[in-house]
Amino acid sequence: MLAGFVLIACGFLNIFAPSLMTRWQVQSTAKHGGSRHAVGSAFQRLLGIDSTTDPWDDGGVKSKVRLLGLVMSVIGLGALIVGLLQLS
């Protein structure tokens, strides 16, 4: 159930604050090396984020991040419902 809450919370942040979430993701990827950098870079390529510009101002990126947030929220809601059903 905790995973459901986390997915819903992160999904809502992606939906309502896509610029902030994009900025956090780009800065985190730039700071860390190794596997975290590889995963972050792959995520940026998937969403079409060019980290050399200001991607948090790009309307296309914001739309993709909002869609990702919607998907995360729906999956989180599903996990929460499954968890609640298992409790009863």
PDB file of N, CA and C in Angstrom:
ATOM      1  N   MET A   1       0.819  -1.196   0.000  1.00  0.00           N
ATOM      2  CA  MET A   1       0.000   0.000   0.000  1.00  0.00           C
ATOM      3  C   MET A   1       0.860   1.257   0.000  1.00  0.00           C
ATOM      4  N   LEU A   2       2.005   1.175   0.661  1.00  0.00           N
ATOM      5  CA  LEU A   2       2.893   2.337   0.710  1.00  0.00           C
ATOM      6  C   LEU A   2       3.360   2.724  -0.693  1.00  0.00           C
ATOM      7  N   ALA A   3       3.650   1.717  -1.509  1.00  0.00           N
ATOM      8  CA  ALA A   3       4.075   1.985  -2.885  1.00  0.00           C
ATOM      9  C   ALA A   3       2.978   2.719  -3.651  1.00  0.00           C
ATOM     10  N   GLY A   4       1.729   2.365  -3.388  1.00  0.00           N
ATOM     11  CA  GLY A   4       0.610   3.046  -4.027  1.00  0.00           C
ATOM     12  C   GLY A   4       0.556   4.512  -3.646  1.00  0.00           C
ATOM     13  N   PHE A   5       0.743   4.799  -2.358  1.00  0.00           N
ATOM     14  CA  PHE A   5       0.744   6.191  -1.898  1.00  0.00           C
ATOM     15  C   PHE A   5       1.890   6.982  -2.529  1.00  0.00           C
ATOM     16  N   VAL A   6       3.065   6.369  -2.595  1.00  0.00           N
ATOM     17  CA  VAL A   6       4.233   7.049  -3.172  1.00  0.00           C
ATOM     18  C   VAL A   6       4.012   7.329  -4.658  1.00  0.00           C
ATOM     19  N   LEU A   7       3.492   6.344  -5.388  1.00  0.00           N
ATOM     20  CA  LEU A   7       3.221   6.549  -6.822  1.00  0.00           C
ATOM     21  C   LEU A   7       2.174   7.637  -7.041  1.00  0.00           C
ATOM     22  N   ILE A   8       1.146   7.649  -6.222  1.00  0.00           N
ATOM     23  CA  ILE A   8       0.119   8.687  -6.350  1.00  0.00           C
ATOM     24  C   ILE A   8       0.711  10.057  -6.058  1.00  0.00           C
ATOM     25  N   ALA A   9       1.508  10.170  -4.993  1.00  0.00           N
ATOM     26  CA  ALA A   9       2.114  11.457  -4.633  1.00  0.00           C
ATOM     27  C   ALA A   9       3.055  11.955  -5.730  1.00  0.00           C
ATOM     28  N   CYS A  10       3.921  11.085  -6.217  1.00  0.00           N
ATOM     29  CA  CYS A  10       4.847  11.477  -7.289  1.00  0.00           C
ATOM     30  C   CYS A  10       4.089  11.787  -8.577  1.00  0.00           C
ATOM     31  N   GLY A  11       3.049  11.028  -8.841  1.00  0.00           N
ATOM     32  CA  GLY A  11       2.222  11.286 -10.024  1.00  0.00           C
ATOM     33  C   GLY A  11       1.558  12.647  -9.961  1.00  0.00           C
ATOM     34  N   PHE A  12       1.033  12.994  -8.788  1.00  0.00           N
ATOM     35  CA  PHE A  12       0.412  14.316  -8.633  1.00  0.00           C
ATOM     36  C   PHE A  12       1.438  15.429  -8.803  1.00  0.00           C
ATOM     37  N   LEU A  13       2.651  15.223  -8.281  1.00  0.00           N
ATOM     38  CA  LEU A  13       3.697  16.231  -8.483  1.00  0.00           C
ATOM     39  C   LEU A  13       4.019  16.383  -9.961  1.00  0.00           C
ATOM     40  N   ASN A  14       4.081  15.274 -10.688  1.00  0.00           N
ATOM     41  CA  ASN A  14       4.330  15.344 -12.129  1.00  0.00           C
ATOM     42  C   ASN A  14       3.193  16.053 -12.858  1.00  0.00           C
ATOM     43  N   ILE A  15       1.970  15.844 -12.420  1.00  0.00           N
ATOM     44  CA  ILE A  15       0.817  16.464 -13.076  1.00  0.00           C
ATOM     45  C   ILE A  15       0.754  17.959 -12.787  1.00  0.00           C
ATOM     46  N   PHE A  16       0.915  18.337 -11.526  1.00  0.00           N
ATOM     47  CA  PHE A  16       0.686  19.719 -11.122  1.00  0.00           C
ATOM     48  C   PHE A  16       1.951  20.581 -11.074  1.00  0.00           C
ATOM     49  N   ALA A  17       3.132  19.975 -11.088  1.00  0.00           N
ATOM     50  CA  ALA A  17       4.379  20.742 -11.074  1.00  0.00           C
ATOM     51  C   ALA A  17       5.401  20.092 -12.009  1.00  0.00           C
ATOM     52  N   PRO A  18       5.080  19.986 -13.305  1.00  0.00           N
ATOM     53  CA  PRO A  18       6.000  19.295 -14.218  1.00  0.00           C
ATOM     54  C   PRO A  18       7.345  20.006 -14.375  1.00  0.00           C
ATOM     55  N   SER A  19       7.352  21.328 -14.299  1.00  0.00           N
ATOM     56  CA  SER A  19       8.618  22.061 -14.420  1.00  0.00           C
ATOM     57  C   SER A  19       9.547  21.727 -13.263  1.00  0.00           C
ATOM     58  N   LEU A  20       9.007  21.707 -12.066  1.00  0.00           N
ATOM     59  CA  LEU A  20       9.801  21.387 -10.876  1.00  0.00           C
ATOM     60  C   LEU A  20      10.351  19.972 -10.944  1.00  0.00           C
ATOM     61  N   MET A  21       9.516  19.017 -11.317  1.00  0.00           N
ATOM     62  CA  MET A  21       9.959  17.624 -11.389  1.00  0.00           C
ATOM     63  C   MET A  21      11.015  17.433 -12.483  1.00  0.00           C
ATOM     64  N   THR A  22      10.860  18.122 -13.613  1.00  0.00           N
ATOM     65  CA  THR A  22      11.849  18.029 -14.676  1.00  0.00           C
ATOM     66  C   THR A  22      13.173  18.623 -14.218  1.00  0.00           C
ATOM     67  N   ARG A  23      13.112  19.767 -13.550  1.00  0.00           N
ATOM     68  CA  ARG A  23      14.334  20.405 -13.044  1.00  0.00           C
ATOM     69  C   ARG A  23      15.053  19.487 -12.053  1.00  0.00           C
ATOM     70  N   TRP A  24      14.303  18.871 -11.138  1.00  0.00           N
ATOM     71  CA  TRP A  24      14.897  17.948 -10.165  1.00  0.00           C
ATOM     72  C   TRP A  24      15.572  16.773 -10.872  1.00  0.00           C
ATOM     73  N   GLN A  25      14.889  16.221 -11.873  1.00  0.00           N
ATOM     74  CA  GLN A  25      15.422  15.052 -12.574  1.00  0.00           C
ATOM     75  C   GLN A  25      16.703  15.406 -13.320  1.00  0.00           C
ATOM     76  N   VAL A  26      16.723  16.525 -14.012  1.00  0.00           N
ATOM     77  CA  VAL A  26      17.909  16.932 -14.781  1.00  0.00           C
ATOM     78  C   VAL A  26      19.073  17.227 -13.836  1.00  0.00           C
ATOM     79  N   GLN A  27      18.806  17.934 -12.744  1.00  0.00           N
ATOM     80  CA  GLN A  27      19.878  18.253 -11.792  1.00  0.00           C
ATOM     81  C   GLN A  27      20.410  16.998 -11.112  1.00  0.00           C
ATOM     82  N   SER A  28      19.537  16.073 -10.768  1.00  0.00           N
ATOM     83  CA  SER A  28      19.967  14.832 -10.131  1.00  0.00           C
ATOM     84  C   SER A  28      20.833  14.000 -11.071  1.00  0.00           C
ATOM     85  N   THR A  29      20.444  13.943 -12.331  1.00  0.00           N
ATOM     86  CA  THR A  29      21.219  13.189 -13.312  1.00  0.00           C
ATOM     87  C   THR A  29      22.590  13.824 -13.522  1.00  0.00           C
ATOM     88  N   ALA A  30      22.650  15.143 -13.520  1.00  0.00           N
ATOM     89  CA  ALA A  30      23.925  15.838 -13.731  1.00  0.00           C
ATOM     90  C   ALA A  30      24.874  15.634 -12.553  1.00  0.00           C
ATOM     91  N   LYS A  31      24.345  15.506 -11.333  1.00  0.00           N
ATOM     92  CA  LYS A  31      25.179  15.379 -10.136  1.00  0.00           C
ATOM     93  C   LYS A  31      25.770  13.991  -9.955  1.00  0.00           C
ATOM     94  N   HIS A  32      25.034  12.957 -10.315  1.00  0.00           N
ATOM     95  CA  HIS A  32      25.435  11.590 -10.003  1.00  0.00           C
ATOM     96  C   HIS A  32      26.025  10.899 -11.220  1.00  0.00           C
ATOM     97  N   GLY A  33      26.953  10.011 -10.963  1.00  0.00           N
ATOM     98  CA  GLY A  33      27.555   9.222 -12.036  1.00  0.00           C
ATOM     99  C   GLY A  33      27.090   7.779 -11.947  1.00  0.00           C
ATOM    100  N   GLY A  34      27.682   6.944 -12.749  1.00  0.00           N
ATOM    101  CA  GLY A  34      27.393   5.515 -12.693  1.00  0.00           C
ATOM    102  C   GLY A  34      26.014   5.163 -13.191  1.00  0.00           C
ATOM    103  N   SER A  35      25.394   4.207 -12.505  1.00  0.00           N
ATOM    104  CA  SER A  35      24.099   3.693 -12.960  1.00  0.00           C
ATOM    105  C   SER A  35      22.996   4.746 -12.840  1.00  0.00           C
ATOM    106  N   ARG A  36      23.069   5.604 -11.828  1.00  0.00           N
ATOM    107  CA  ARG A  36      22.042   6.646 -11.702  1.00  0.00           C
ATOM    108  C   ARG A  36      22.088   7.602 -12.886  1.00  0.00           C
ATOM    109  N   HIS A  37      23.296   7.914 -13.336  1.00  0.00           N
ATOM    110  CA  HIS A  37      23.429   8.795 -14.500  1.00  0.00           C
ATOM    111  C   HIS A  37      22.916   8.097 -15.756  1.00  0.00           C
ATOM    112  N   ALA A  38      23.213   6.819 -15.893  1.00  0.00           N
ATOM    113  CA  ALA A  38      22.763   6.064 -17.066  1.00  0.00           C
ATOM    114  C   ALA A  38      21.240   5.989 -17.121  1.00  0.00           C
ATOM    115  N   VAL A  39      20.616   5.707 -15.985  1.00  0.00           N
ATOM    116  CA  VAL A  39      19.148   5.621 -15.945  1.00  0.00           C
ATOM    117  C   VAL A  39      18.534   6.990 -16.194  1.00  0.00           C
ATOM    118  N   GLY A  40      19.093   8.023 -15.570  1.00  0.00           N
ATOM    119  CA  GLY A  40      18.577   9.381 -15.767  1.00  0.00           C
ATOM    120  C   GLY A  40      18.707   9.848 -17.196  1.00  0.00           C
ATOM    121  N   SER A  41      19.827   9.539 -17.821  1.00  0.00           N
ATOM    122  CA  SER A  41      20.035   9.921 -19.221  1.00  0.00           C
ATOM    123  C   SER A  41      19.072   9.181 -20.144  1.00  0.00           C
ATOM    124  N   ALA A  42      18.835   7.905 -19.861  1.00  0.00           N
ATOM    125  CA  ALA A  42      17.876   7.136 -20.663  1.00  0.00           C
ATOM    126  C   ALA A  42      16.470   7.716 -20.512  1.00  0.00           C
ATOM    127  N   PHE A  43      16.122   8.101 -19.301  1.00  0.00           N
ATOM    128  CA  PHE A  43      14.817   8.718 -19.048  1.00  0.00           C
ATOM    129  C   PHE A  43      14.694  10.035 -19.824  1.00  0.00           C
ATOM    130  N   GLN A  44      15.774  10.814 -19.828  1.00  0.00           N
ATOM    131  CA  GLN A  44      15.745  12.086 -20.555  1.00  0.00           C
ATOM    132  C   GLN A  44      15.594  11.863 -22.058  1.00  0.00           C
ATOM    133  N   ARG A  45      16.288  10.856 -22.599  1.00  0.00           N
ATOM    134  CA  ARG A  45      16.135  10.544 -24.026  1.00  0.00           C
ATOM    135  C   ARG A  45      14.717  10.088 -24.340  1.00  0.00           C
ATOM    136  N   LEU A  46      14.132   9.287 -23.452  1.00  0.00           N
ATOM    137  CA  LEU A  46      12.776   8.782 -23.651  1.00  0.00           C
ATOM    138  C   LEU A  46      11.763   9.924 -23.736  1.00  0.00           C
ATOM    139  N   LEU A  47      11.949  10.936 -22.894  1.00  0.00           N
ATOM    140  CA  LEU A  47      11.024  12.070 -22.881  1.00  0.00           C
ATOM    141  C   LEU A  47      11.434  13.183 -23.834  1.00  0.00           C
ATOM    142  N   GLY A  48      12.562  13.032 -24.498  1.00  0.00           N
ATOM    143  CA  GLY A  48      13.018  14.062 -25.433  1.00  0.00           C
ATOM    144  C   GLY A  48      13.533  15.301 -24.729  1.00  0.00           C
ATOM    145  N   ILE A  49      14.162  15.116 -23.578  1.00  0.00           N
ATOM    146  CA  ILE A  49      14.683  16.236 -22.796  1.00  0.00           C
ATOM    147  C   ILE A  49      16.112  16.520 -23.230  1.00  0.00           C
ATOM    148  N   ASP A  50      16.373  17.770 -23.591  1.00  0.00           N
ATOM    149  CA  ASP A  50      17.730  18.209 -23.901  1.00  0.00           C
ATOM    150  C   ASP A  50      18.237  18.962 -22.677  1.00  0.00           C
ATOM    151  N   SER A  51      19.115  18.319 -21.913  1.00  0.00           N
ATOM    152  CA  SER A  51      19.556  18.903 -20.648  1.00  0.00           C
ATOM    153  C   SER A  51      20.467  20.112 -20.834  1.00  0.00           C
ATOM    154  N   THR A  52      20.933  20.378 -22.065  1.00  0.00           N
ATOM    155  CA  THR A  52      21.780  21.544 -22.293  1.00  0.00           C
ATOM    156  C   THR A  52      20.957  22.822 -22.422  1.00  0.00           C
ATOM    157  N   THR A  53      19.656  22.684 -22.599  1.00  0.00           N
ATOM    158  CA  THR A  53      18.769  23.849 -22.654  1.00  0.00           C
ATOM    159  C   THR A  53      17.977  23.911 -21.342  1.00  0.00           C
ATOM    160  N   ASP A  54      16.912  24.654 -21.323  1.00  0.00           N
ATOM    161  CA  ASP A  54      16.024  24.711 -20.156  1.00  0.00           C
ATOM    162  C   ASP A  54      14.781  23.875 -20.456  1.00  0.00           C
ATOM    163  N   PRO A  55      14.856  22.555 -20.257  1.00  0.00           N
ATOM    164  CA  PRO A  55      13.748  21.686 -20.660  1.00  0.00           C
ATOM    165  C   PRO A  55      12.481  21.909 -19.846  1.00  0.00           C
ATOM    166  N   TRP A  56      12.599  22.499 -18.658  1.00  0.00           N
ATOM    167  CA  TRP A  56      11.417  22.701 -17.814  1.00  0.00           C
ATOM    168  C   TRP A  56      10.512  23.789 -18.380  1.00  0.00           C
ATOM    169  N   ASP A  57      10.981  24.552 -19.380  1.00  0.00           N
ATOM    170  CA  ASP A  57      10.133  25.558 -20.024  1.00  0.00           C
ATOM    171  C   ASP A  57       9.522  25.054 -21.324  1.00  0.00           C
ATOM    172  N   ASP A  58       9.863  23.842 -21.740  1.00  0.00           N
ATOM    173  CA  ASP A  58       9.385  23.266 -22.996  1.00  0.00           C
ATOM    174  C   ASP A  58       7.994  22.671 -22.796  1.00  0.00           C
ATOM    175  N   GLY A  59       7.017  23.172 -23.548  1.00  0.00           N
ATOM    176  CA  GLY A  59       5.640  22.705 -23.428  1.00  0.00           C
ATOM    177  C   GLY A  59       5.480  21.229 -23.758  1.00  0.00           C
ATOM    178  N   GLY A  60       6.247  20.735 -24.736  1.00  0.00           N
ATOM    179  CA  GLY A  60       6.169  19.321 -25.098  1.00  0.00           C
ATOM    180  C   GLY A  60       6.652  18.421 -23.975  1.00  0.00           C
ATOM    181  N   VAL A  61       7.728  18.833 -23.321  1.00  0.00           N
ATOM    182  CA  VAL A  61       8.252  18.061 -22.193  1.00  0.00           C
ATOM    183  C   VAL A  61       7.249  18.078 -21.045  1.00  0.00           C
ATOM    184  N   LYS A  62       6.666  19.244 -20.787  1.00  0.00           N
ATOM    185  CA  LYS A  62       5.669  19.338 -19.706  1.00  0.00           C
ATOM    186  C   LYS A  62       4.497  18.397 -19.960  1.00  0.00           C
ATOM    187  N   SER A  63       4.043  18.322 -21.200  1.00  0.00           N
ATOM    188  CA  SER A  63       2.923  17.429 -21.527  1.00  0.00           C
ATOM    189  C   SER A  63       3.292  15.971 -21.291  1.00  0.00           C
ATOM    190  N   LYS A  64       4.500  15.588 -21.685  1.00  0.00           N
ATOM    191  CA  LYS A  64       4.949  14.211 -21.483  1.00  0.00           C
ATOM    192  C   LYS A  64       5.082  13.889 -19.999  1.00  0.00           C
ATOM    193  N   VAL A  65       5.580  14.835 -19.215  1.00  0.00           N
ATOM    194  CA  VAL A  65       5.733  14.616 -17.775  1.00  0.00           C
ATOM    195  C   VAL A  65       4.362  14.519 -17.114  1.00  0.00           C
ATOM    196  N   ARG A  66       3.411  15.336 -17.556  1.00  0.00           N
ATOM    197  CA  ARG A  66       2.046  15.243 -17.011  1.00  0.00           C
ATOM    198  C   ARG A  66       1.418  13.887 -17.341  1.00  0.00           C
ATOM    199  N   LEU A  67       1.622  13.409 -18.569  1.00  0.00           N
ATOM    200  CA  LEU A  67       1.096  12.100 -18.951  1.00  0.00           C
ATOM    201  C   LEU A  67       1.736  11.004 -18.110  1.00  0.00           C
ATOM    202  N   LEU A  68       3.041  11.100 -17.901  1.00  0.00           N
ATOM    203  CA  LEU A  68       3.730  10.152 -17.042  1.00  0.00           C
ATOM    204  C   LEU A  68       3.146  10.195 -15.623  1.00  0.00           C
ATOM    205  N   GLY A  69       2.853  11.390 -15.135  1.00  0.00           N
ATOM    206  CA  GLY A  69       2.244  11.530 -13.815  1.00  0.00           C
ATOM    207  C   GLY A  69       0.874  10.889 -13.739  1.00  0.00           C
ATOM    208  N   LEU A  70       0.093  11.029 -14.797  1.00  0.00           N
ATOM    209  CA  LEU A  70      -1.229  10.405 -14.836  1.00  0.00           C
ATOM    210  C   LEU A  70      -1.104   8.884 -14.786  1.00  0.00           C
ATOM    211  N   VAL A  71      -0.181   8.344 -15.570  1.00  0.00           N
ATOM    212  CA  VAL A  71       0.043   6.890 -15.575  1.00  0.00           C
ATOM    213  C   VAL A  71       0.499   6.420 -14.193  1.00  0.00           C
ATOM    214  N   MET A  72       1.424   7.150 -13.589  1.00  0.00           N
ATOM    215  CA  MET A  72       1.903   6.786 -12.247  1.00  0.00           C
ATOM    216  C   MET A  72       0.768   6.806 -11.234  1.00  0.00           C
ATOM    217  N   SER A  73      -0.090   7.816 -11.306  1.00  0.00           N
ATOM    218  CA  SER A  73      -1.206   7.926 -10.362  1.00  0.00           C
ATOM    219  C   SER A  73      -2.194   6.777 -10.525  1.00  0.00           C
ATOM    220  N   VAL A  74      -2.476   6.400 -11.764  1.00  0.00           N
ATOM    221  CA  VAL A  74      -3.406   5.296 -12.012  1.00  0.00           C
ATOM    222  C   VAL A  74      -2.821   3.976 -11.498  1.00  0.00           C
ATOM    223  N   ILE A  75      -1.539   3.747 -11.768  1.00  0.00           N
ATOM    224  CA  ILE A  75      -0.895   2.523 -11.264  1.00  0.00           C
ATOM    225  C   ILE A  75      -0.874   2.535  -9.739  1.00  0.00           C
ATOM    226  N   GLY A  76      -0.567   3.681  -9.149  1.00  0.00           N
ATOM    227  CA  GLY A  76      -0.565   3.797  -7.690  1.00  0.00           C
ATOM    228  C   GLY A  76      -1.929   3.554  -7.090  1.00  0.00           C
ATOM    229  N   LEU A  77      -2.972   4.071  -7.740  1.00  0.00           N
ATOM    230  CA  LEU A  77      -4.333   3.840  -7.265  1.00  0.00           C
ATOM    231  C   LEU A  77      -4.675   2.358  -7.345  1.00  0.00           C
ATOM    232  N   GLY A  78      -4.251   1.708  -8.430  1.00  0.00           N
ATOM    233  CA  GLY A  78      -4.474   0.265  -8.554  1.00  0.00           C
ATOM    234  C   GLY A  78      -3.777  -0.515  -7.452  1.00  0.00           C
ATOM    235  N   ALA A  79      -2.522  -0.135  -7.157  1.00  0.00           N
ATOM    236  CA  ALA A  79      -1.783  -0.819  -6.080  1.00  0.00           C
ATOM    237  C   ALA A  79      -2.441  -0.566  -4.745  1.00  0.00           C
ATOM    238  N   LEU A  80      -2.951   0.621  -4.536  1.00  0.00           N
ATOM    239  CA  LEU A  80      -3.638   0.939  -3.270  1.00  0.00           C
ATOM    240  C   LEU A  80      -4.918   0.138  -3.136  1.00  0.00           C
ATOM    241  N   ILE A  81      -5.667   0.008  -4.206  1.00  0.00           N
ATOM    242  CA  ILE A  81      -6.910  -0.771  -4.160  1.00  0.00           C
ATOM    243  C   ILE A  81      -6.605  -2.241  -3.897  1.00  0.00           C
ATOM    244  N   VAL A  82      -5.599  -2.781  -4.565  1.00  0.00           N
ATOM    245  CA  VAL A  82      -5.227  -4.186  -4.330  1.00  0.00           C
ATOM    246  C   VAL A  82      -4.811  -4.386  -2.874  1.00  0.00           C
ATOM    247  N   GLY A  83      -4.044  -3.456  -2.341  1.00  0.00           N
ATOM    248  CA  GLY A  83      -3.626  -3.550  -0.950  1.00  0.00           C
ATOM    249  C   GLY A  83      -4.797  -3.504   0.020  1.00  0.00           C
ATOM    250  N   LEU A  84      -5.760  -2.619  -0.264  1.00  0.00           N
ATOM    251  CA  LEU A  84      -6.942  -2.531   0.593  1.00  0.00           C
ATOM    252  C   LEU A  84      -7.803  -3.776   0.499  1.00  0.00           C
ATOM    253  N   LEU A  85      -7.905  -4.354  -0.692  1.00  0.00           N
ATOM    254  CA  LEU A  85      -8.669  -5.584  -0.858  1.00  0.00           C
ATOM    255  C   LEU A  85      -8.024  -6.754  -0.118  1.00  0.00           C
ATOM    256  N   GLN A  86      -6.708  -6.759  -0.065  1.00  0.00           N
ATOM    257  CA  GLN A  86      -6.022  -7.829   0.666  1.00  0.00           C
ATOM    258  C   GLN A  86      -6.203  -7.699   2.169  1.00  0.00           C
ATOM    259  N   LEU A  87      -6.409  -6.493   2.638  1.00  0.00           N
ATOM    260  CA  LEU A  87      -6.634  -6.293   4.068  1.00  0.00           C
ATOM    261  C   LEU A  87      -8.008  -6.749   4.510  1.00  0.00           C
ATOM    262  N   SER A  88      -8.959  -6.689   3.593  1.00  0.00           N
ATOM    263  CA  SER A  88     -10.329  -7.065   3.986  1.00  0.00           C
ATOM    264  C   SER A  88     -10.654  -8.514   3.696  1.00  0.00           C
TER     265      SER A  88
END
